Structure formats: structure tokens, C-alpha cells
């Protein structure tokens, strides 16, 4: 299982990666997609919304379950990965790359420091 060091992790198995200044990409971890199984649908209707840390920004549907997606830090959802509408399986095959879910304008970039690094997340999931 991969644990990229260029992202930060949450206890709810989301990741966040700063792309530039206060703009970040958010998705679910390799561990999360593996636990969910085959992803068949990603539902995110929060573009333009300012949300608080731990608020639900969407859901992901797998063959057997639907799971909420929680925001790792407060911010405004700028964009949804439209490719996931036609290829939701990218979350399974490339969770840290083409399977990203939202682009976020982070309210306070310092909040990211409170999230887990790769070593801490690896320890959490074993």
C-alpha cells in the first residue's frame, strides 16, 4: 500500500495536497478505496460552498456501500474532478493522482499542519 509523503492525511481517510499558495486537491486514500471496493459513483454538489473542517462535501458510492466524504480543513470548494463522472474507477486505480475529488481554496493554510503525515497515517491503518 502506498503512503505518499507529499500529502497530509485525516483519520477519516481523506488526503489533501497543496498545489499552490492556498489551493489544494482533496481525495480519499488508497486504504479507503481498498476498503470500499469498486467505486461506481462520486456525488459532490458543493462547488462554491464554504465548508468547515469535517463537514461532508460529498459521497462516494461503491458496489456495497455509500460513504460520506469529509473536508480535511475549512475552505471553499472550487472545482469537482469532472472526469470522475465518466470514470469513477479512477478513485480505485489512481487515488492520489487522476482520482482526486475536489479542488479547495483553503481558508487557513496553517490548518494543514494539524493533519497526519505519511508515517502517522501508515501507523493508523497498519
Protein backbone atom coordinates (compact mmCIF):
# COMPACT_ATOMS: atom_id res chain seq x y z
CA UNK A 1 0.00 0.00 0.00
CA UNK A 2 1.32 3.44 -0.86
CA UNK A 3 1.59 6.37 1.56
CA UNK A 4 2.79 9.39 -0.46
CA UNK A 5 4.77 11.86 1.60
CA UNK A 6 3.60 14.91 -0.38
CA UNK A 7 0.08 14.76 1.08
CA UNK A 8 -1.45 15.06 4.55
CA UNK A 9 -4.00 12.58 5.87
CA UNK A 10 -7.11 12.56 8.07
CA UNK A 11 -8.42 9.93 10.46
CA UNK A 12 -11.40 9.62 8.08
CA UNK A 13 -9.05 8.56 5.24
CA UNK A 14 -9.10 11.69 3.12
CA UNK A 15 -5.90 13.25 1.84
CA UNK A 16 -5.01 16.85 0.91
CA UNK A 17 -2.15 18.14 -1.22
CA UNK A 18 -1.24 21.81 -1.62
CA UNK A 19 -0.93 22.69 -5.29
CA UNK A 20 -0.17 26.42 -4.99
CA UNK A 21 -0.44 29.01 -2.21
CA UNK A 22 -3.83 28.20 -0.65
CA UNK A 23 -5.17 25.88 -3.39
CA UNK A 24 -5.29 22.16 -2.64
CA UNK A 25 -6.57 18.92 -4.09
CA UNK A 26 -8.55 16.52 -1.89
CA UNK A 27 -9.36 12.85 -2.34
CA UNK A 28 -9.61 9.57 -0.48
CA UNK A 29 -6.65 7.40 0.40
CA UNK A 30 -5.55 4.14 -1.14
CA UNK A 31 -6.60 2.44 2.10
CA UNK A 32 -10.11 3.96 1.90
CA UNK A 33 -10.70 2.96 -1.71
CA UNK A 34 -9.44 -0.54 -0.96
CA UNK A 35 -11.85 -0.86 1.98
CA UNK A 36 -14.78 0.45 -0.08
CA UNK A 37 -14.16 -1.76 -3.09
CA UNK A 38 -15.09 -0.84 -6.66
CA UNK A 39 -16.17 2.82 -6.80
CA UNK A 40 -19.18 3.23 -9.08
CA UNK A 41 -20.26 6.82 -8.43
CA UNK A 42 -18.92 10.01 -6.87
CA UNK A 43 -21.52 12.62 -5.85
CA UNK A 44 -20.20 16.08 -5.00
CA UNK A 45 -22.58 19.04 -5.24
CA UNK A 46 -20.74 21.54 -3.04
CA UNK A 47 -18.91 23.67 -5.65
CA UNK A 48 -18.86 27.27 -4.47
CA UNK A 49 -19.69 26.33 -0.89
CA UNK A 50 -17.57 27.48 2.03
CA UNK A 51 -17.39 24.49 4.38
CA UNK A 52 -15.84 23.86 7.77
CA UNK A 53 -13.32 21.17 8.61
CA UNK A 54 -15.01 17.74 8.99
CA UNK A 55 -18.16 18.82 7.12
CA UNK A 56 -19.43 16.43 4.44
CA UNK A 57 -18.51 17.67 0.96
CA UNK A 58 -19.96 14.71 -0.95
CA UNK A 59 -20.38 10.96 -1.07
CA UNK A 60 -18.72 8.08 -2.81
CA UNK A 61 -20.70 5.01 -3.80
CA UNK A 62 -19.14 1.59 -4.05
CA UNK A 63 -20.81 -1.66 -5.07
CA UNK A 64 -21.79 -2.47 -1.48
CA UNK A 65 -21.95 0.88 0.34
CA UNK A 66 -22.18 4.68 0.25
CA UNK A 67 -19.68 6.66 2.28
CA UNK A 68 -19.56 10.35 3.22
CA UNK A 69 -16.55 12.45 2.25
CA UNK A 70 -15.26 14.79 4.98
CA UNK A 71 -13.34 18.00 4.40
CA UNK A 72 -9.83 17.82 5.91
CA UNK A 73 -9.65 21.60 6.55
CA UNK A 74 -12.02 24.54 6.21
CA UNK A 75 -12.27 26.15 2.80
CA UNK A 76 -14.31 26.79 -0.33
CA UNK A 77 -14.87 24.05 -2.90
CA UNK A 78 -13.69 25.50 -6.21
CA UNK A 79 -13.99 22.55 -8.55
CA UNK A 80 -15.01 18.91 -8.77
CA UNK A 81 -12.99 16.43 -10.82
CA UNK A 82 -15.46 16.11 -13.72
CA UNK A 83 -13.58 13.10 -15.09
CA UNK A 84 -14.99 11.05 -12.20
CA UNK A 85 -18.49 11.39 -13.70
CA UNK A 86 -17.48 9.04 -16.51
CA UNK A 87 -14.62 7.23 -14.80
CA UNK A 88 -15.31 6.89 -11.06
CA UNK A 89 -12.95 3.90 -11.02
CA UNK A 90 -10.02 6.37 -11.18
CA UNK A 91 -10.51 6.65 -7.43
CA UNK A 92 -9.55 2.96 -7.25
CA UNK A 93 -6.74 2.95 -9.80
CA UNK A 94 -5.10 6.32 -9.06
CA UNK A 95 -6.41 7.73 -5.75
CA UNK A 96 -3.55 10.24 -5.31
CA UNK A 97 -3.41 11.31 -8.97
CA UNK A 98 -6.21 11.34 -11.53
CA UNK A 99 -8.66 10.14 -8.86
CA UNK A 100 -8.62 13.43 -6.91
CA UNK A 101 -12.11 14.63 -6.00
CA UNK A 102 -12.16 18.38 -5.32
CA UNK A 103 -10.04 21.48 -5.67
CA UNK A 104 -10.25 23.56 -2.49
CA UNK A 105 -9.37 27.14 -1.57
CA UNK A 106 -8.03 26.54 1.94
CA UNK A 107 -9.26 29.09 4.49
CA UNK A 108 -6.18 28.86 6.74
CA UNK A 109 -3.17 27.06 5.30
CA UNK A 110 -1.77 26.52 8.82
CA UNK A 111 -4.62 24.06 9.50
CA UNK A 112 -2.91 21.53 7.24
CA UNK A 113 -0.08 21.25 9.77
CA UNK A 114 -2.54 19.63 12.19
CA UNK A 115 -3.13 16.67 9.87
CA UNK A 116 -1.18 13.39 9.80
CA UNK A 117 1.95 12.88 7.75
CA UNK A 118 2.57 9.64 5.85
CA UNK A 119 4.27 7.89 8.78
CA UNK A 120 1.45 8.70 11.22
CA UNK A 121 -1.21 7.62 8.72
CA UNK A 122 0.62 4.38 7.98
CA UNK A 123 0.70 3.68 11.71
CA UNK A 124 -3.06 4.40 11.94
CA UNK A 125 -4.02 1.92 9.21
CA UNK A 126 -1.28 -0.60 9.89
